[in-house]
C-alpha cells in the first residue's frame, strides 16, 4: 500500500477490501490468512501468535 501500513485508515476490513480489489475472493483471503497464521504458529508458537492476533482490533473474527 502507498503511504504506510496496509492497515492504516481502513483496519482489517479495509485491507480485505484492498485484496478483493486486486482480484482475491473471500475464500482466497481466508485461505491465505489461515496458511499465514499456521506458519507463524509453527515458527513463533501458538501463544505468541494468538497474543498478536488478539491485539489487532477486528482481526480475531477473521483468524
PDB file of N, CA and C in Angstrom:
ATOM      1  N   UNK A   1       0.845  -1.190   0.000  1.00  0.00           N
ATOM      2  CA  UNK A   1       0.000   0.000   0.000  1.00  0.00           C
ATOM      3  C   UNK A   1       0.879   1.239   0.000  1.00  0.00           C
ATOM      4  N   UNK A   2       0.407   2.266  -0.611  1.00  0.00           N
ATOM      5  CA  UNK A   2       1.165   3.501  -0.678  1.00  0.00           C
ATOM      6  C   UNK A   2       0.977   4.288   0.610  1.00  0.00           C
ATOM      7  N   UNK A   3       2.044   4.926   1.058  1.00  0.00           N
ATOM      8  CA  UNK A   3       1.930   5.852   2.170  1.00  0.00           C
ATOM      9  C   UNK A   3       1.905   5.233   3.542  1.00  0.00           C
ATOM     10  N   UNK A   4       2.251   3.952   3.686  1.00  0.00           N
ATOM     11  CA  UNK A   4       2.334   3.402   5.027  1.00  0.00           C
ATOM     12  C   UNK A   4       1.729   2.027   5.139  1.00  0.00           C
ATOM     13  N   UNK A   5       1.292   1.713   6.327  1.00  0.00           N
ATOM     14  CA  UNK A   5       0.764   0.401   6.648  1.00  0.00           C
ATOM     15  C   UNK A   5      -0.469   0.067   5.828  1.00  0.00           C
ATOM     16  N   UNK A   6      -0.569  -1.214   5.450  1.00  0.00           N
ATOM     17  CA  UNK A   6      -1.752  -1.653   4.715  1.00  0.00           C
ATOM     18  C   UNK A   6      -3.000  -1.586   5.578  1.00  0.00           C
ATOM     19  N   UNK A   7      -2.817  -1.536   6.892  1.00  0.00           N
ATOM     20  CA  UNK A   7      -3.971  -1.470   7.782  1.00  0.00           C
ATOM     21  C   UNK A   7      -4.342  -0.041   8.143  1.00  0.00           C
ATOM     22  N   UNK A   8      -3.491   0.926   7.805  1.00  0.00           N
ATOM     23  CA  UNK A   8      -3.741   2.321   8.172  1.00  0.00           C
ATOM     24  C   UNK A   8      -5.001   2.835   7.498  1.00  0.00           C
ATOM     25  N   UNK A   9      -5.877   3.423   8.281  1.00  0.00           N
ATOM     26  CA  UNK A   9      -7.050   4.082   7.732  1.00  0.00           C
ATOM     27  C   UNK A   9      -8.229   3.185   7.475  1.00  0.00           C
ATOM     28  N   UNK A  10      -8.046   1.906   7.303  1.00  0.00           N
ATOM     29  CA  UNK A  10      -9.175   1.053   6.986  1.00  0.00           C
ATOM     30  C   UNK A  10      -9.266  -0.181   7.844  1.00  0.00           C
ATOM     31  N   UNK A  11      -8.268  -0.396   8.660  1.00  0.00           N
ATOM     32  CA  UNK A  11      -8.258  -1.563   9.513  1.00  0.00           C
ATOM     33  C   UNK A  11      -8.274  -2.849   8.710  1.00  0.00           C
ATOM     34  N   UNK A  12      -8.670  -3.914   9.362  1.00  0.00           N
ATOM     35  CA  UNK A  12      -8.694  -5.233   8.744  1.00  0.00           C
ATOM     36  C   UNK A  12      -9.684  -5.267   7.585  1.00  0.00           C
ATOM     37  N   UNK A  13     -10.830  -4.635   7.761  1.00  0.00           N
ATOM     38  CA  UNK A  13     -11.845  -4.627   6.705  1.00  0.00           C
ATOM     39  C   UNK A  13     -11.323  -3.881   5.478  1.00  0.00           C
ATOM     40  N   UNK A  14     -10.649  -2.766   5.705  1.00  0.00           N
ATOM     41  CA  UNK A  14     -10.072  -2.008   4.600  1.00  0.00           C
ATOM     42  C   UNK A  14      -9.013  -2.803   3.856  1.00  0.00           C
ATOM     43  N   UNK A  15      -8.202  -3.542   4.610  1.00  0.00           N
ATOM     44  CA  UNK A  15      -7.186  -4.384   3.991  1.00  0.00           C
ATOM     45  C   UNK A  15      -7.849  -5.478   3.154  1.00  0.00           C
ATOM     46  N   UNK A  16      -8.897  -6.084   3.697  1.00  0.00           N
ATOM     47  CA  UNK A  16      -9.635  -7.096   2.937  1.00  0.00           C
ATOM     48  C   UNK A  16     -10.204  -6.525   1.653  1.00  0.00           C
ATOM     49  N   UNK A  17     -10.721  -5.315   1.727  1.00  0.00           N
ATOM     50  CA  UNK A  17     -11.265  -4.662   0.536  1.00  0.00           C
ATOM     51  C   UNK A  17     -10.171  -4.425  -0.495  1.00  0.00           C
ATOM     52  N   UNK A  18      -8.985  -4.029  -0.038  1.00  0.00           N
ATOM     53  CA  UNK A  18      -7.860  -3.841  -0.963  1.00  0.00           C
ATOM     54  C   UNK A  18      -7.517  -5.146  -1.669  1.00  0.00           C
ATOM     55  N   UNK A  19      -7.504  -6.240  -0.911  1.00  0.00           N
ATOM     56  CA  UNK A  19      -7.198  -7.540  -1.508  1.00  0.00           C
ATOM     57  C   UNK A  19      -8.265  -7.944  -2.519  1.00  0.00           C
ATOM     58  N   UNK A  20      -9.534  -7.692  -2.201  1.00  0.00           N
ATOM     59  CA  UNK A  20     -10.610  -8.012  -3.145  1.00  0.00           C
ATOM     60  C   UNK A  20     -10.514  -7.142  -4.391  1.00  0.00           C
ATOM     61  N   UNK A  21     -10.108  -5.887  -4.222  1.00  0.00           N
ATOM     62  CA  UNK A  21      -9.919  -5.007  -5.376  1.00  0.00           C
ATOM     63  C   UNK A  21      -8.811  -5.514  -6.292  1.00  0.00           C
ATOM     64  N   UNK A  22      -7.879  -6.278  -5.724  1.00  0.00           N
ATOM     65  CA  UNK A  22      -6.794  -6.869  -6.512  1.00  0.00           C
ATOM     66  C   UNK A  22      -7.205  -8.203  -7.130  1.00  0.00           C
ATOM     67  N   UNK A  23      -8.448  -8.645  -6.869  1.00  0.00           N
ATOM     68  CA  UNK A  23      -8.958  -9.847  -7.510  1.00  0.00           C
ATOM     69  C   UNK A  23      -9.053 -11.080  -6.636  1.00  0.00           C
ATOM     70  N   UNK A  24      -8.708 -10.978  -5.358  1.00  0.00           N
ATOM     71  CA  UNK A  24      -8.831 -12.134  -4.477  1.00  0.00           C
ATOM     72  C   UNK A  24     -10.267 -12.260  -3.988  1.00  0.00           C
ATOM     73  N   UNK A  25     -10.740 -13.492  -3.871  1.00  0.00           N
ATOM     74  CA  UNK A  25     -12.069 -13.740  -3.315  1.00  0.00           C
ATOM     75  C   UNK A  25     -11.955 -13.864  -1.801  1.00  0.00           C
ATOM     76  N   UNK A  26     -13.104 -13.864  -1.122  1.00  0.00           N
ATOM     77  CA  UNK A  26     -13.083 -14.069   0.332  1.00  0.00           C
ATOM     78  C   UNK A  26     -12.454 -15.410   0.675  1.00  0.00           C
ATOM     79  N   UNK A  27     -12.720 -16.420  -0.144  1.00  0.00           N
ATOM     80  CA  UNK A  27     -12.119 -17.735   0.067  1.00  0.00           C
ATOM     81  C   UNK A  27     -10.608 -17.696  -0.057  1.00  0.00           C
ATOM     82  N   UNK A  28     -10.106 -16.966  -1.074  1.00  0.00           N
ATOM     83  CA  UNK A  28      -8.659 -16.804  -1.241  1.00  0.00           C
ATOM     84  C   UNK A  28      -8.051 -16.131  -0.024  1.00  0.00           C
ATOM     85  N   UNK A  29      -8.706 -15.071   0.443  1.00  0.00           N
ATOM     86  CA  UNK A  29      -8.194 -14.301   1.578  1.00  0.00           C
ATOM     87  C   UNK A  29      -8.193 -15.158   2.843  1.00  0.00           C
ATOM     88  N   UNK A  30      -9.263 -15.904   3.072  1.00  0.00           N
ATOM     89  CA  UNK A  30      -9.339 -16.775   4.247  1.00  0.00           C
ATOM     90  C   UNK A  30      -8.256 -17.845   4.192  1.00  0.00           C
ATOM     91  N   UNK A  31      -8.058 -18.436   3.025  1.00  0.00           N
ATOM     92  CA  UNK A  31      -7.022 -19.451   2.878  1.00  0.00           C
ATOM     93  C   UNK A  31      -5.638 -18.892   3.138  1.00  0.00           C
ATOM     94  N   UNK A  32      -5.372 -17.716   2.593  1.00  0.00           N
ATOM     95  CA  UNK A  32      -4.086 -17.060   2.804  1.00  0.00           C
ATOM     96  C   UNK A  32      -3.873 -16.739   4.280  1.00  0.00           C
ATOM     97  N   UNK A  33      -4.914 -16.226   4.927  1.00  0.00           N
ATOM     98  CA  UNK A  33      -4.818 -15.904   6.356  1.00  0.00           C
ATOM     99  C   UNK A  33      -4.546 -17.161   7.177  1.00  0.00           C
ATOM    100  N   UNK A  34      -5.272 -18.235   6.895  1.00  0.00           N
ATOM    101  CA  UNK A  34      -5.087 -19.475   7.652  1.00  0.00           C
ATOM    102  C   UNK A  34      -3.690 -20.046   7.465  1.00  0.00           C
ATOM    103  N   UNK A  35      -3.180 -20.026   6.229  1.00  0.00           N
ATOM    104  CA  UNK A  35      -1.832 -20.528   5.971  1.00  0.00           C
ATOM    105  C   UNK A  35      -0.780 -19.670   6.667  1.00  0.00           C
ATOM    106  N   UNK A  36      -0.965 -18.361   6.623  1.00  0.00           N
ATOM    107  CA  UNK A  36      -0.012 -17.447   7.251  1.00  0.00           C
ATOM    108  C   UNK A  36       0.013 -17.643   8.762  1.00  0.00           C
ATOM    109  N   UNK A  37      -1.159 -17.766   9.367  1.00  0.00           N
ATOM    110  CA  UNK A  37      -1.248 -17.962  10.814  1.00  0.00           C
ATOM    111  C   UNK A  37      -0.643 -19.304  11.210  1.00  0.00           C
ATOM    112  N   UNK A  38      -0.916 -20.352  10.441  1.00  0.00           N
ATOM    113  CA  UNK A  38      -0.351 -21.670  10.747  1.00  0.00           C
ATOM    114  C   UNK A  38       1.174 -21.637  10.680  1.00  0.00           C
ATOM    115  N   UNK A  39       1.721 -20.977   9.667  1.00  0.00           N
ATOM    116  CA  UNK A  39       3.175 -20.873   9.538  1.00  0.00           C
ATOM    117  C   UNK A  39       3.767 -20.064  10.690  1.00  0.00           C
ATOM    118  N   UNK A  40       3.107 -18.976  11.042  1.00  0.00           N
ATOM    119  CA  UNK A  40       3.578 -18.159  12.163  1.00  0.00           C
ATOM    120  C   UNK A  40       3.581 -18.969  13.456  1.00  0.00           C
ATOM    121  N   UNK A  41       2.534 -19.764  13.678  1.00  0.00           N
ATOM    122  CA  UNK A  41       2.461 -20.580  14.897  1.00  0.00           C
ATOM    123  C   UNK A  41       3.548 -21.644  14.916  1.00  0.00           C
ATOM    124  N   UNK A  42       3.893 -22.200  13.731  1.00  0.00           N
ATOM    125  CA  UNK A  42       4.981 -23.179  13.652  1.00  0.00           C
ATOM    126  C   UNK A  42       6.298 -22.574  14.114  1.00  0.00           C
ATOM    127  N   UNK A  43       6.536 -21.332  13.716  1.00  0.00           N
ATOM    128  CA  UNK A  43       7.824 -20.702  13.983  1.00  0.00           C
ATOM    129  C   UNK A  43       7.869 -19.921  15.294  1.00  0.00           C
ATOM    130  N   UNK A  44       6.759 -19.344  15.716  1.00  0.00           N
ATOM    131  CA  UNK A  44       6.764 -18.486  16.904  1.00  0.00           C
ATOM    132  C   UNK A  44       5.992 -19.078  18.076  1.00  0.00           C
ATOM    133  N   UNK A  45       5.170 -20.070  17.821  1.00  0.00           N
ATOM    134  CA  UNK A  45       4.375 -20.684  18.876  1.00  0.00           C
ATOM    135  C   UNK A  45       2.963 -20.121  18.946  1.00  0.00           C
ATOM    136  N   UNK A  46       2.039 -20.985  19.359  1.00  0.00           N
ATOM    137  CA  UNK A  46       0.622 -20.616  19.419  1.00  0.00           C
ATOM    138  C   UNK A  46       0.367 -19.407  20.308  1.00  0.00           C
ATOM    139  N   UNK A  47       0.970 -19.419  21.499  1.00  0.00           N
ATOM    140  CA  UNK A  47       0.675 -18.372  22.483  1.00  0.00           C
ATOM    141  C   UNK A  47       1.039 -16.983  21.954  1.00  0.00           C
ATOM    142  N   UNK A  48       2.222 -16.842  21.383  1.00  0.00           N
ATOM    143  CA  UNK A  48       2.660 -15.541  20.885  1.00  0.00           C
ATOM    144  C   UNK A  48       1.797 -15.077  19.716  1.00  0.00           C
ATOM    145  N   UNK A  49       1.519 -15.974  18.784  1.00  0.00           N
ATOM    146  CA  UNK A  49       0.711 -15.595  17.619  1.00  0.00           C
ATOM    147  C   UNK A  49      -0.700 -15.223  18.057  1.00  0.00           C
ATOM    148  N   UNK A  50      -1.283 -15.984  18.968  1.00  0.00           N
ATOM    149  CA  UNK A  50      -2.621 -15.646  19.466  1.00  0.00           C
ATOM    150  C   UNK A  50      -2.622 -14.286  20.160  1.00  0.00           C
ATOM    151  N   UNK A  51      -1.555 -13.984  20.901  1.00  0.00           N
ATOM    152  CA  UNK A  51      -1.445 -12.685  21.568  1.00  0.00           C
ATOM    153  C   UNK A  51      -1.420 -11.551  20.534  1.00  0.00           C
ATOM    154  N   UNK A  52      -0.654 -11.741  19.475  1.00  0.00           N
ATOM    155  CA  UNK A  52      -0.582 -10.724  18.421  1.00  0.00           C
ATOM    156  C   UNK A  52      -1.936 -10.575  17.736  1.00  0.00           C
ATOM    157  N   UNK A  53      -2.560 -11.693  17.376  1.00  0.00           N
ATOM    158  CA  UNK A  53      -3.869 -11.639  16.712  1.00  0.00           C
ATOM    159  C   UNK A  53      -4.888 -10.901  17.570  1.00  0.00           C
ATOM    160  N   UNK A  54      -4.887 -11.192  18.859  1.00  0.00           N
ATOM    161  CA  UNK A  54      -5.857 -10.568  19.760  1.00  0.00           C
ATOM    162  C   UNK A  54      -5.566  -9.098  20.029  1.00  0.00           C
ATOM    163  N   UNK A  55      -4.359  -8.638  19.688  1.00  0.00           N
ATOM    164  CA  UNK A  55      -4.011  -7.236  19.906  1.00  0.00           C
ATOM    165  C   UNK A  55      -4.439  -6.338  18.744  1.00  0.00           C
ATOM    166  N   UNK A  56      -4.910  -6.936  17.659  1.00  0.00           N
ATOM    167  CA  UNK A  56      -5.299  -6.166  16.472  1.00  0.00           C
ATOM    168  C   UNK A  56      -6.824  -6.147  16.391  1.00  0.00           C
ATOM    169  N   UNK A  57      -7.430  -4.981  16.620  1.00  0.00           N
ATOM    170  CA  UNK A  57      -8.900  -4.896  16.609  1.00  0.00           C
ATOM    171  C   UNK A  57      -9.498  -5.421  15.301  1.00  0.00           C
ATOM    172  N   UNK A  58     -10.474  -6.306  15.451  1.00  0.00           N
ATOM    173  CA  UNK A  58     -11.182  -6.839  14.295  1.00  0.00           C
ATOM    174  C   UNK A  58     -10.554  -8.068  13.682  1.00  0.00           C
ATOM    175  N   UNK A  59      -9.300  -8.343  13.984  1.00  0.00           N
ATOM    176  CA  UNK A  59      -8.630  -9.475  13.345  1.00  0.00           C
ATOM    177  C   UNK A  59      -9.072 -10.838  13.865  1.00  0.00           C
ATOM    178  N   UNK A  60      -9.269 -11.015  15.170  1.00  0.00           N
ATOM    179  CA  UNK A  60      -9.639 -12.352  15.649  1.00  0.00           C
ATOM    180  C   UNK A  60     -10.881 -12.940  14.974  1.00  0.00           C
ATOM    181  N   UNK A  61     -11.815 -12.120  14.537  1.00  0.00           N
ATOM    182  CA  UNK A  61     -13.010 -12.668  13.889  1.00  0.00           C
ATOM    183  C   UNK A  61     -12.681 -13.286  12.533  1.00  0.00           C
ATOM    184  N   UNK A  62     -11.541 -12.937  11.951  1.00  0.00           N
ATOM    185  CA  UNK A  62     -11.147 -13.490  10.665  1.00  0.00           C
ATOM    186  C   UNK A  62     -10.133 -14.611  10.793  1.00  0.00           C
ATOM    187  N   UNK A  63      -9.556 -14.766  11.964  1.00  0.00           N
ATOM    188  CA  UNK A  63      -8.486 -15.750  12.146  1.00  0.00           C
ATOM    189  C   UNK A  63      -9.042 -17.099  12.550  1.00  0.00           C
TER     190      UNK A  63
END
